């Protein structure tokens, strides 16, 4: 294979890709690549993989579903991380009595 032609194909393909980070869908490969796995990659990587034939561009619907799932996964991860950082304070018996008596005084007022 002529390397000039190969890299020219990559540059041409990269110039046709509109998104900064396009979503690509993998194809089955001889070395064990799974078919149908969506991935968001840089424009340069997408162009290289498209020229090599290991991926295809995702349809707009596939990209939308992928990005929506990615946002949901990120939200779930952030919620799990927030739950891990639950703060608590050890309070002595005297302090509990003081706090409850102060609260009772506020309720009576």
PDB file of N, CA and C in Angstrom:
ATOM      1  N   UNK A   1       0.844  -1.179   0.000  1.00  0.00           N
ATOM      2  CA  UNK A   1       0.000   0.000   0.000  1.00  0.00           C
ATOM      3  C   UNK A   1       0.893   1.249   0.000  1.00  0.00           C
ATOM      4  N   UNK A   2       0.528   2.189  -0.814  1.00  0.00           N
ATOM      5  CA  UNK A   2       1.258   3.455  -0.895  1.00  0.00           C
ATOM      6  C   UNK A   2       0.855   4.330   0.293  1.00  0.00           C
ATOM      7  N   UNK A   3       1.813   4.693   1.125  1.00  0.00           N
ATOM      8  CA  UNK A   3       1.517   5.472   2.330  1.00  0.00           C
ATOM      9  C   UNK A   3       0.962   6.856   2.006  1.00  0.00           C
ATOM     10  N   UNK A   4       1.382   7.438   0.908  1.00  0.00           N
ATOM     11  CA  UNK A   4       0.861   8.754   0.530  1.00  0.00           C
ATOM     12  C   UNK A   4      -0.631   8.680   0.262  1.00  0.00           C
ATOM     13  N   UNK A   5      -1.040   7.655  -0.448  1.00  0.00           N
ATOM     14  CA  UNK A   5      -2.464   7.475  -0.755  1.00  0.00           C
ATOM     15  C   UNK A   5      -3.240   7.213   0.531  1.00  0.00           C
ATOM     16  N   UNK A   6      -2.681   6.370   1.400  1.00  0.00           N
ATOM     17  CA  UNK A   6      -3.328   6.026   2.666  1.00  0.00           C
ATOM     18  C   UNK A   6      -3.571   7.285   3.508  1.00  0.00           C
ATOM     19  N   UNK A   7      -2.548   8.086   3.712  1.00  0.00           N
ATOM     20  CA  UNK A   7      -2.689   9.281   4.542  1.00  0.00           C
ATOM     21  C   UNK A   7      -3.536  10.350   3.860  1.00  0.00           C
ATOM     22  N   UNK A   8      -3.537  10.390   2.546  1.00  0.00           N
ATOM     23  CA  UNK A   8      -4.405  11.328   1.834  1.00  0.00           C
ATOM     24  C   UNK A   8      -5.872  10.932   2.033  1.00  0.00           C
ATOM     25  N   UNK A   9      -6.152   9.636   2.022  1.00  0.00           N
ATOM     26  CA  UNK A   9      -7.517   9.165   2.281  1.00  0.00           C
ATOM     27  C   UNK A   9      -7.953   9.561   3.691  1.00  0.00           C
ATOM     28  N   UNK A  10      -7.046   9.431   4.648  1.00  0.00           N
ATOM     29  CA  UNK A  10      -7.366   9.805   6.035  1.00  0.00           C
ATOM     30  C   UNK A  10      -7.660  11.304   6.108  1.00  0.00           C
ATOM     31  N   UNK A  11      -6.827  12.131   5.478  1.00  0.00           N
ATOM     32  CA  UNK A  11      -7.062  13.582   5.497  1.00  0.00           C
ATOM     33  C   UNK A  11      -8.377  13.942   4.814  1.00  0.00           C
ATOM     34  N   UNK A  12      -8.681  13.302   3.690  1.00  0.00           N
ATOM     35  CA  UNK A  12      -9.937  13.564   2.980  1.00  0.00           C
ATOM     36  C   UNK A  12     -11.143  13.166   3.830  1.00  0.00           C
ATOM     37  N   UNK A  13     -11.048  12.009   4.441  1.00  0.00           N
ATOM     38  CA  UNK A  13     -12.145  11.538   5.287  1.00  0.00           C
ATOM     39  C   UNK A  13     -12.320  12.454   6.487  1.00  0.00           C
ATOM     40  N   UNK A  14     -11.225  12.871   7.099  1.00  0.00           N
ATOM     41  CA  UNK A  14     -11.292  13.765   8.260  1.00  0.00           C
ATOM     42  C   UNK A  14     -11.938  15.094   7.895  1.00  0.00           C
ATOM     43  N   UNK A  15     -11.669  15.585   6.718  1.00  0.00           N
ATOM     44  CA  UNK A  15     -12.247  16.871   6.307  1.00  0.00           C
ATOM     45  C   UNK A  15     -13.751  16.768   6.071  1.00  0.00           C
ATOM     46  N   UNK A  16     -14.251  15.571   5.781  1.00  0.00           N
ATOM     47  CA  UNK A  16     -15.692  15.382   5.559  1.00  0.00           C
ATOM     48  C   UNK A  16     -16.471  15.177   6.857  1.00  0.00           C
ATOM     49  N   UNK A  17     -15.791  14.861   7.946  1.00  0.00           N
ATOM     50  CA  UNK A  17     -16.461  14.636   9.227  1.00  0.00           C
ATOM     51  C   UNK A  17     -16.768  15.994   9.853  1.00  0.00           C
ATOM     52  N   UNK A  18     -18.029  16.223  10.177  1.00  0.00           N
ATOM     53  CA  UNK A  18     -18.454  17.531  10.692  1.00  0.00           C
ATOM     54  C   UNK A  18     -18.278  17.666  12.196  1.00  0.00           C
ATOM     55  N   UNK A  19     -18.591  16.617  12.944  1.00  0.00           N
ATOM     56  CA  UNK A  19     -18.518  16.686  14.413  1.00  0.00           C
ATOM     57  C   UNK A  19     -17.077  16.707  14.889  1.00  0.00           C
ATOM     58  N   UNK A  20     -16.840  17.425  15.987  1.00  0.00           N
ATOM     59  CA  UNK A  20     -15.522  17.435  16.612  1.00  0.00           C
ATOM     60  C   UNK A  20     -15.208  16.056  17.187  1.00  0.00           C
ATOM     61  N   UNK A  21     -16.225  15.423  17.801  1.00  0.00           N
ATOM     62  CA  UNK A  21     -16.087  14.089  18.373  1.00  0.00           C
ATOM     63  C   UNK A  21     -17.225  13.216  17.849  1.00  0.00           C
ATOM     64  N   UNK A  22     -17.038  12.624  16.674  1.00  0.00           N
ATOM     65  CA  UNK A  22     -18.102  11.806  16.092  1.00  0.00           C
ATOM     66  C   UNK A  22     -18.252  10.469  16.814  1.00  0.00           C
ATOM     67  N   UNK A  23     -19.447   9.905  16.701  1.00  0.00           N
ATOM     68  CA  UNK A  23     -19.708   8.576  17.239  1.00  0.00           C
ATOM     69  C   UNK A  23     -19.545   7.589  16.089  1.00  0.00           C
ATOM     70  N   UNK A  24     -18.767   6.532  16.335  1.00  0.00           N
ATOM     71  CA  UNK A  24     -18.564   5.490  15.334  1.00  0.00           C
ATOM     72  C   UNK A  24     -19.052   4.165  15.898  1.00  0.00           C
ATOM     73  N   UNK A  25     -19.405   3.260  14.989  1.00  0.00           N
ATOM     74  CA  UNK A  25     -19.893   1.937  15.376  1.00  0.00           C
ATOM     75  C   UNK A  25     -18.919   0.904  14.825  1.00  0.00           C
ATOM     76  N   UNK A  26     -18.470   0.016  15.691  1.00  0.00           N
ATOM     77  CA  UNK A  26     -17.464  -0.957  15.284  1.00  0.00           C
ATOM     78  C   UNK A  26     -18.045  -2.006  14.346  1.00  0.00           C
ATOM     79  N   UNK A  27     -17.156  -2.556  13.542  1.00  0.00           N
ATOM     80  CA  UNK A  27     -17.488  -3.674  12.668  1.00  0.00           C
ATOM     81  C   UNK A  27     -16.742  -4.898  13.175  1.00  0.00           C
ATOM     82  N   UNK A  28     -17.219  -6.053  12.804  1.00  0.00           N
ATOM     83  CA  UNK A  28     -16.523  -7.278  13.185  1.00  0.00           C
ATOM     84  C   UNK A  28     -15.190  -7.334  12.443  1.00  0.00           C
ATOM     85  N   UNK A  29     -14.143  -7.661  13.176  1.00  0.00           N
ATOM     86  CA  UNK A  29     -12.819  -7.754  12.558  1.00  0.00           C
ATOM     87  C   UNK A  29     -12.252  -9.155  12.757  1.00  0.00           C
ATOM     88  N   UNK A  30     -11.252  -9.487  11.978  1.00  0.00           N
ATOM     89  CA  UNK A  30     -10.636 -10.813  12.051  1.00  0.00           C
ATOM     90  C   UNK A  30      -9.894 -11.035  13.360  1.00  0.00           C
ATOM     91  N   UNK A  31      -9.464  -9.942  13.997  1.00  0.00           N
ATOM     92  CA  UNK A  31      -8.711 -10.092  15.239  1.00  0.00           C
ATOM     93  C   UNK A  31      -9.603 -10.052  16.474  1.00  0.00           C
ATOM     94  N   UNK A  32     -10.902 -10.257  16.307  1.00  0.00           N
ATOM     95  CA  UNK A  32     -11.803 -10.388  17.442  1.00  0.00           C
ATOM     96  C   UNK A  32     -12.599  -9.150  17.786  1.00  0.00           C
ATOM     97  N   UNK A  33     -12.587  -8.132  16.949  1.00  0.00           N
ATOM     98  CA  UNK A  33     -13.365  -6.924  17.217  1.00  0.00           C
ATOM     99  C   UNK A  33     -14.855  -7.209  17.221  1.00  0.00           C
ATOM    100  N   UNK A  34     -15.564  -6.644  18.180  1.00  0.00           N
ATOM    101  CA  UNK A  34     -17.006  -6.853  18.299  1.00  0.00           C
ATOM    102  C   UNK A  34     -17.753  -5.933  17.348  1.00  0.00           C
ATOM    103  N   UNK A  35     -18.848  -6.411  16.830  1.00  0.00           N
ATOM    104  CA  UNK A  35     -19.673  -5.622  15.940  1.00  0.00           C
ATOM    105  C   UNK A  35     -20.700  -4.834  16.747  1.00  0.00           C
ATOM    106  N   UNK A  36     -20.949  -3.585  16.363  1.00  0.00           N
ATOM    107  CA  UNK A  36     -22.030  -2.805  16.951  1.00  0.00           C
ATOM    108  C   UNK A  36     -21.707  -2.023  18.201  1.00  0.00           C
ATOM    109  N   UNK A  37     -20.453  -1.888  18.578  1.00  0.00           N
ATOM    110  CA  UNK A  37     -20.088  -1.132  19.778  1.00  0.00           C
ATOM    111  C   UNK A  37     -19.901   0.333  19.395  1.00  0.00           C
ATOM    112  N   UNK A  38     -20.675   1.206  20.026  1.00  0.00           N
ATOM    113  CA  UNK A  38     -20.583   2.643  19.744  1.00  0.00           C
ATOM    114  C   UNK A  38     -19.481   3.261  20.597  1.00  0.00           C
ATOM    115  N   UNK A  39     -18.737   4.188  19.988  1.00  0.00           N
ATOM    116  CA  UNK A  39     -17.666   4.881  20.675  1.00  0.00           C
ATOM    117  C   UNK A  39     -17.572   6.296  20.143  1.00  0.00           C
ATOM    118  N   UNK A  40     -17.295   7.232  21.041  1.00  0.00           N
ATOM    119  CA  UNK A  40     -17.084   8.619  20.644  1.00  0.00           C
ATOM    120  C   UNK A  40     -15.578   8.856  20.599  1.00  0.00           C
ATOM    121  N   UNK A  41     -15.083   9.278  19.448  1.00  0.00           N
ATOM    122  CA  UNK A  41     -13.643   9.456  19.260  1.00  0.00           C
ATOM    123  C   UNK A  41     -13.367  10.804  18.614  1.00  0.00           C
ATOM    124  N   UNK A  42     -12.102  11.167  18.555  1.00  0.00           N
ATOM    125  CA  UNK A  42     -11.732  12.410  17.884  1.00  0.00           C
ATOM    126  C   UNK A  42     -11.922  12.255  16.376  1.00  0.00           C
ATOM    127  N   UNK A  43     -11.967  13.367  15.708  1.00  0.00           N
ATOM    128  CA  UNK A  43     -12.162  13.366  14.252  1.00  0.00           C
ATOM    129  C   UNK A  43     -11.024  12.614  13.554  1.00  0.00           C
ATOM    130  N   UNK A  44      -9.782  12.810  14.007  1.00  0.00           N
ATOM    131  CA  UNK A  44      -8.628  12.155  13.381  1.00  0.00           C
ATOM    132  C   UNK A  44      -8.681  10.642  13.552  1.00  0.00           C
ATOM    133  N   UNK A  45      -9.022  10.184  14.744  1.00  0.00           N
ATOM    134  CA  UNK A  45      -9.106   8.740  15.001  1.00  0.00           C
ATOM    135  C   UNK A  45     -10.250   8.133  14.187  1.00  0.00           C
ATOM    136  N   UNK A  46     -11.385   8.839  14.144  1.00  0.00           N
ATOM    137  CA  UNK A  46     -12.526   8.336  13.373  1.00  0.00           C
ATOM    138  C   UNK A  46     -12.150   8.182  11.907  1.00  0.00           C
ATOM    139  N   UNK A  47     -11.451   9.180  11.346  1.00  0.00           N
ATOM    140  CA  UNK A  47     -11.052   9.115   9.946  1.00  0.00           C
ATOM    141  C   UNK A  47     -10.134   7.924   9.697  1.00  0.00           C
ATOM    142  N   UNK A  48      -9.175   7.716  10.577  1.00  0.00           N
ATOM    143  CA  UNK A  48      -8.238   6.592  10.422  1.00  0.00           C
ATOM    144  C   UNK A  48      -8.979   5.265  10.476  1.00  0.00           C
ATOM    145  N   UNK A  49      -9.882   5.120  11.428  1.00  0.00           N
ATOM    146  CA  UNK A  49     -10.616   3.865  11.570  1.00  0.00           C
ATOM    147  C   UNK A  49     -11.581   3.641  10.406  1.00  0.00           C
ATOM    148  N   UNK A  50     -12.171   4.717   9.896  1.00  0.00           N
ATOM    149  CA  UNK A  50     -13.054   4.596   8.741  1.00  0.00           C
ATOM    150  C   UNK A  50     -12.280   4.135   7.507  1.00  0.00           C
ATOM    151  N   UNK A  51     -11.107   4.707   7.285  1.00  0.00           N
ATOM    152  CA  UNK A  51     -10.280   4.318   6.144  1.00  0.00           C
ATOM    153  C   UNK A  51      -9.845   2.861   6.272  1.00  0.00           C
ATOM    154  N   UNK A  52      -9.526   2.441   7.497  1.00  0.00           N
ATOM    155  CA  UNK A  52      -9.098   1.057   7.717  1.00  0.00           C
ATOM    156  C   UNK A  52     -10.257   0.077   7.652  1.00  0.00           C
ATOM    157  N   UNK A  53     -11.490   0.592   7.741  1.00  0.00           N
ATOM    158  CA  UNK A  53     -12.662  -0.275   7.642  1.00  0.00           C
ATOM    159  C   UNK A  53     -13.052  -0.963   8.930  1.00  0.00           C
ATOM    160  N   UNK A  54     -12.524  -0.521  10.067  1.00  0.00           N
ATOM    161  CA  UNK A  54     -12.856  -1.162  11.338  1.00  0.00           C
ATOM    162  C   UNK A  54     -14.119  -0.595  11.968  1.00  0.00           C
ATOM    163  N   UNK A  55     -14.571   0.566  11.468  1.00  0.00           N
ATOM    164  CA  UNK A  55     -15.792   1.187  11.995  1.00  0.00           C
ATOM    165  C   UNK A  55     -16.596   1.776  10.843  1.00  0.00           C
ATOM    166  N   UNK A  56     -17.814   2.156  11.175  1.00  0.00           N
ATOM    167  CA  UNK A  56     -18.647   2.941  10.271  1.00  0.00           C
ATOM    168  C   UNK A  56     -19.179   4.111  11.078  1.00  0.00           C
ATOM    169  N   UNK A  57     -19.590   5.161  10.385  1.00  0.00           N
ATOM    170  CA  UNK A  57     -20.157   6.304  11.091  1.00  0.00           C
ATOM    171  C   UNK A  57     -21.517   5.911  11.658  1.00  0.00           C
ATOM    172  N   UNK A  58     -21.794   6.363  12.861  1.00  0.00           N
ATOM    173  CA  UNK A  58     -23.090   6.098  13.476  1.00  0.00           C
ATOM    174  C   UNK A  58     -24.146   6.972  12.816  1.00  0.00           C
ATOM    175  N   UNK A  59     -25.355   6.441  12.736  1.00  0.00           N
ATOM    176  CA  UNK A  59     -26.458   7.262  12.246  1.00  0.00           C
ATOM    177  C   UNK A  59     -26.775   8.306  13.302  1.00  0.00           C
ATOM    178  N   UNK A  60     -27.527   9.319  12.930  1.00  0.00           N
ATOM    179  CA  UNK A  60     -27.860  10.363  13.905  1.00  0.00           C
ATOM    180  C   UNK A  60     -28.646   9.778  15.074  1.00  0.00           C
ATOM    181  N   UNK A  61     -29.492   8.801  14.810  1.00  0.00           N
ATOM    182  CA  UNK A  61     -30.264   8.156  15.885  1.00  0.00           C
ATOM    183  C   UNK A  61     -29.342   7.365  16.813  1.00  0.00           C
ATOM    184  N   UNK A  62     -28.405   6.605  16.255  1.00  0.00           N
ATOM    185  CA  UNK A  62     -27.453   5.849  17.070  1.00  0.00           C
ATOM    186  C   UNK A  62     -26.607   6.785  17.927  1.00  0.00           C
ATOM    187  N   UNK A  63     -26.176   7.895  17.356  1.00  0.00           N
ATOM    188  CA  UNK A  63     -25.369   8.866  18.106  1.00  0.00           C
ATOM    189  C   UNK A  63     -26.183   9.491  19.225  1.00  0.00           C
ATOM    190  N   UNK A  64     -27.449   9.811  18.947  1.00  0.00           N
ATOM    191  CA  UNK A  64     -28.310  10.413  19.967  1.00  0.00           C
ATOM    192  C   UNK A  64     -28.516   9.448  21.127  1.00  0.00           C
ATOM    193  N   UNK A  65     -28.812   8.192  20.820  1.00  0.00           N
ATOM    194  CA  UNK A  65     -29.024   7.183  21.869  1.00  0.00           C
ATOM    195  C   UNK A  65     -27.744   6.983  22.673  1.00  0.00           C
ATOM    196  N   UNK A  66     -26.599   6.917  21.997  1.00  0.00           N
ATOM    197  CA  UNK A  66     -25.314   6.734  22.679  1.00  0.00           C
ATOM    198  C   UNK A  66     -25.040   7.885  23.635  1.00  0.00           C
ATOM    199  N   UNK A  67     -25.209   9.101  23.158  1.00  0.00           N
ATOM    200  CA  UNK A  67     -24.924  10.268  24.002  1.00  0.00           C
ATOM    201  C   UNK A  67     -25.902  10.372  25.162  1.00  0.00           C
ATOM    202  N   UNK A  68     -27.166  10.029  24.926  1.00  0.00           N
ATOM    203  CA  UNK A  68     -28.156  10.055  26.009  1.00  0.00           C
ATOM    204  C   UNK A  68     -27.782   9.034  27.084  1.00  0.00           C
ATOM    205  N   UNK A  69     -27.391   7.833  26.671  1.00  0.00           N
ATOM    206  CA  UNK A  69     -26.968   6.807  27.629  1.00  0.00           C
ATOM    207  C   UNK A  69     -25.723   7.251  28.383  1.00  0.00           C
ATOM    208  N   UNK A  70     -24.828   7.935  27.692  1.00  0.00           N
ATOM    209  CA  UNK A  70     -23.600   8.433  28.321  1.00  0.00           C
ATOM    210  C   UNK A  70     -23.923   9.475  29.393  1.00  0.00           C
ATOM    211  N   UNK A  71     -24.855  10.374  29.095  1.00  0.00           N
ATOM    212  CA  UNK A  71     -25.262  11.401  30.062  1.00  0.00           C
ATOM    213  C   UNK A  71     -25.927  10.751  31.271  1.00  0.00           C
ATOM    214  N   UNK A  72     -26.788   9.757  31.034  1.00  0.00           N
ATOM    215  CA  UNK A  72     -27.451   9.066  32.144  1.00  0.00           C
ATOM    216  C   UNK A  72     -26.440   8.319  33.017  1.00  0.00           C
ATOM    217  N   UNK A  73     -25.468   7.680  32.400  1.00  0.00           N
ATOM    218  CA  UNK A  73     -24.452   6.957  33.165  1.00  0.00           C
ATOM    219  C   UNK A  73     -23.623   7.922  34.007  1.00  0.00           C
ATOM    220  N   UNK A  74     -23.310   9.077  33.443  1.00  0.00           N
ATOM    221  CA  UNK A  74     -22.539  10.078  34.177  1.00  0.00           C
ATOM    222  C   UNK A  74     -23.340  10.600  35.372  1.00  0.00           C
ATOM    223  N   UNK A  75     -24.638  10.852  35.160  1.00  0.00           N
ATOM    224  CA  UNK A  75     -25.487  11.329  36.239  1.00  0.00           C
ATOM    225  C   UNK A  75     -25.568  10.294  37.360  1.00  0.00           C
ATOM    226  N   UNK A  76     -25.734   9.020  36.995  1.00  0.00           N
ATOM    227  CA  UNK A  76     -25.806   7.960  37.994  1.00  0.00           C
ATOM    228  C   UNK A  76     -24.497   7.839  38.767  1.00  0.00           C
ATOM    229  N   UNK A  77     -23.379   7.991  38.071  1.00  0.00           N
ATOM    230  CA  UNK A  77     -22.082   7.934  38.737  1.00  0.00           C
ATOM    231  C   UNK A  77     -21.913   9.096  39.703  1.00  0.00           C
ATOM    232  N   UNK A  78     -22.321  10.287  39.289  1.00  0.00           N
ATOM    233  CA  UNK A  78     -22.210  11.450  40.173  1.00  0.00           C
ATOM    234  C   UNK A  78     -23.098  11.290  41.407  1.00  0.00           C
ATOM    235  N   UNK A  79     -24.284  10.720  41.231  1.00  0.00           N
ATOM    236  CA  UNK A  79     -25.158  10.472  42.378  1.00  0.00           C
ATOM    237  C   UNK A  79     -24.531   9.452  43.329  1.00  0.00           C
ATOM    238  N   UNK A  80     -23.926   8.411  42.775  1.00  0.00           N
ATOM    239  CA  UNK A  80     -23.278   7.397  43.619  1.00  0.00           C
ATOM    240  C   UNK A  80     -22.095   7.997  44.375  1.00  0.00           C
ATOM    241  N   UNK A  81     -21.337   8.856  43.703  1.00  0.00           N
ATOM    242  CA  UNK A  81     -20.211   9.511  44.366  1.00  0.00           C
ATOM    243  C   UNK A  81     -20.696  10.454  45.462  1.00  0.00           C
ATOM    244  N   UNK A  82     -21.803  11.153  45.211  1.00  0.00           N
ATOM    245  CA  UNK A  82     -22.351  12.055  46.222  1.00  0.00           C
ATOM    246  C   UNK A  82     -22.843  11.263  47.431  1.00  0.00           C
ATOM    247  N   UNK A  83     -23.402  10.090  47.198  1.00  0.00           N
ATOM    248  CA  UNK A  83     -23.871   9.258  48.300  1.00  0.00           C
ATOM    249  C   UNK A  83     -22.708   8.753  49.149  1.00  0.00           C
ATOM    250  N   UNK A  84     -21.558   8.538  48.514  1.00  0.00           N
ATOM    251  CA  UNK A  84     -20.380   8.087  49.264  1.00  0.00           C
ATOM    252  C   UNK A  84     -19.862   9.171  50.202  1.00  0.00           C
ATOM    253  N   UNK A  85     -20.074  10.420  49.847  1.00  0.00           N
ATOM    254  CA  UNK A  85     -19.522  11.504  50.643  1.00  0.00           C
ATOM    255  C   UNK A  85     -20.525  12.041  51.663  1.00  0.00           C
ATOM    256  N   UNK A  86     -21.473  11.221  52.035  1.00  0.00           N
ATOM    257  CA  UNK A  86     -22.451  11.618  53.040  1.00  0.00           C
ATOM    258  C   UNK A  86     -21.713  11.983  54.328  1.00  0.00           C
ATOM    259  N   UNK A  87     -21.982  13.177  54.829  1.00  0.00           N
ATOM    260  CA  UNK A  87     -21.279  13.654  56.014  1.00  0.00           C
ATOM    261  C   UNK A  87     -22.145  13.426  57.252  1.00  0.00           C
ATOM    262  N   UNK A  88     -21.493  13.073  58.333  1.00  0.00           N
ATOM    263  CA  UNK A  88     -22.190  12.917  59.595  1.00  0.00           C
ATOM    264  C   UNK A  88     -21.297  13.408  60.714  1.00  0.00           C
ATOM    265  N   UNK A  89     -21.912  13.651  61.849  1.00  0.00           N
ATOM    266  CA  UNK A  89     -21.168  14.173  62.980  1.00  0.00           C
ATOM    267  C   UNK A  89     -21.550  13.379  64.217  1.00  0.00           C
ATOM    268  N   UNK A  90     -20.577  13.017  64.996  1.00  0.00           N
ATOM    269  CA  UNK A  90     -20.816  12.328  66.256  1.00  0.00           C
ATOM    270  C   UNK A  90     -21.135  13.397  67.299  1.00  0.00           C
ATOM    271  N   UNK A  91     -22.279  13.240  67.943  1.00  0.00           N
ATOM    272  CA  UNK A  91     -22.748  14.240  68.892  1.00  0.00           C
ATOM    273  C   UNK A  91     -22.842  13.586  70.270  1.00  0.00           C
ATOM    274  N   UNK A  92     -22.349  14.283  71.259  1.00  0.00           N
ATOM    275  CA  UNK A  92     -22.425  13.749  72.623  1.00  0.00           C
ATOM    276  C   UNK A  92     -23.849  13.870  73.157  1.00  0.00           C
ATOM    277  N   UNK A  93     -24.132  13.155  74.210  1.00  0.00           N
ATOM    278  CA  UNK A  93     -25.465  13.174  74.818  1.00  0.00           C
ATOM    279  C   UNK A  93     -25.790  14.579  75.313  1.00  0.00           C
ATOM    280  N   UNK A  94     -24.825  15.247  75.920  1.00  0.00           N
ATOM    281  CA  UNK A  94     -25.061  16.601  76.424  1.00  0.00           C
ATOM    282  C   UNK A  94     -25.433  17.561  75.301  1.00  0.00           C
ATOM    283  N   UNK A  95     -24.749  17.415  74.171  1.00  0.00           N
ATOM    284  CA  UNK A  95     -25.034  18.294  73.036  1.00  0.00           C
ATOM    285  C   UNK A  95     -26.418  18.018  72.465  1.00  0.00           C
ATOM    286  N   UNK A  96     -26.839  16.742  72.440  1.00  0.00           N
ATOM    287  CA  UNK A  96     -28.188  16.403  71.969  1.00  0.00           C
ATOM    288  C   UNK A  96     -29.228  17.045  72.879  1.00  0.00           C
ATOM    289  N   UNK A  97     -29.017  16.983  74.181  1.00  0.00           N
ATOM    290  CA  UNK A  97     -29.966  17.599  75.119  1.00  0.00           C
ATOM    291  C   UNK A  97     -30.030  19.108  74.911  1.00  0.00           C
ATOM    292  N   UNK A  98     -28.877  19.713  74.714  1.00  0.00           N
ATOM    293  CA  UNK A  98     -28.845  21.155  74.489  1.00  0.00           C
ATOM    294  C   UNK A  98     -29.574  21.518  73.200  1.00  0.00           C
ATOM    295  N   UNK A  99     -29.351  20.764  72.145  1.00  0.00           N
ATOM    296  CA  UNK A  99     -30.003  21.041  70.868  1.00  0.00           C
ATOM    297  C   UNK A  99     -31.518  20.830  70.934  1.00  0.00           C
ATOM    298  N   UNK A 100     -31.946  19.770  71.616  1.00  0.00           N
ATOM    299  CA  UNK A 100     -33.390  19.515  71.715  1.00  0.00           C
ATOM    300  C   UNK A 100     -34.068  20.547  72.605  1.00  0.00           C
ATOM    301  N   UNK A 101     -33.389  20.999  73.647  1.00  0.00           N
ATOM    302  CA  UNK A 101     -33.994  22.030  74.498  1.00  0.00           C
ATOM    303  C   UNK A 101     -34.070  23.358  73.755  1.00  0.00           C
ATOM    304  N   UNK A 102     -33.069  23.664  72.941  1.00  0.00           N
ATOM    305  CA  UNK A 102     -33.094  24.896  72.138  1.00  0.00           C
ATOM    306  C   UNK A 102     -34.195  24.810  71.089  1.00  0.00           C
ATOM    307  N   UNK A 103     -34.404  23.651  70.531  1.00  0.00           N
ATOM    308  CA  UNK A 103     -35.459  23.487  69.530  1.00  0.00           C
ATOM    309  C   UNK A 103     -36.835  23.602  70.179  1.00  0.00           C
ATOM    310  N   UNK A 104     -36.964  23.035  71.373  1.00  0.00           N
ATOM    311  CA  UNK A 104     -38.237  23.130  72.093  1.00  0.00           C
ATOM    312  C   UNK A 104     -38.579  24.571  72.428  1.00  0.00           C
ATOM    313  N   UNK A 105     -37.553  25.369  72.745  1.00  0.00           N
ATOM    314  CA  UNK A 105     -37.782  26.785  73.042  1.00  0.00           C
ATOM    315  C   UNK A 105     -38.230  27.525  71.786  1.00  0.00           C
ATOM    316  N   UNK A 106     -37.686  27.154  70.644  1.00  0.00           N
ATOM    317  CA  UNK A 106     -38.105  27.795  69.382  1.00  0.00           C
ATOM    318  C   UNK A 106     -39.538  27.418  69.028  1.00  0.00           C
ATOM    319  N   UNK A 107     -39.918  26.171  69.295  1.00  0.00           N
ATOM    320  CA  UNK A 107     -41.280  25.728  68.981  1.00  0.00           C
ATOM    321  C   UNK A 107     -42.307  26.448  69.857  1.00  0.00           C
ATOM    322  N   UNK A 108     -41.937  26.748  71.106  1.00  0.00           N
ATOM    323  CA  UNK A 108     -42.862  27.424  72.018  1.00  0.00           C
ATOM    324  C   UNK A 108     -43.018  28.899  71.678  1.00  0.00           C
ATOM    325  N   UNK A 109     -42.025  29.468  71.016  1.00  0.00           N
ATOM    326  CA  UNK A 109     -42.061  30.909  70.727  1.00  0.00           C
ATOM    327  C   UNK A 109     -42.967  31.264  69.587  1.00  0.00           C
TER     328      UNK A 109
END
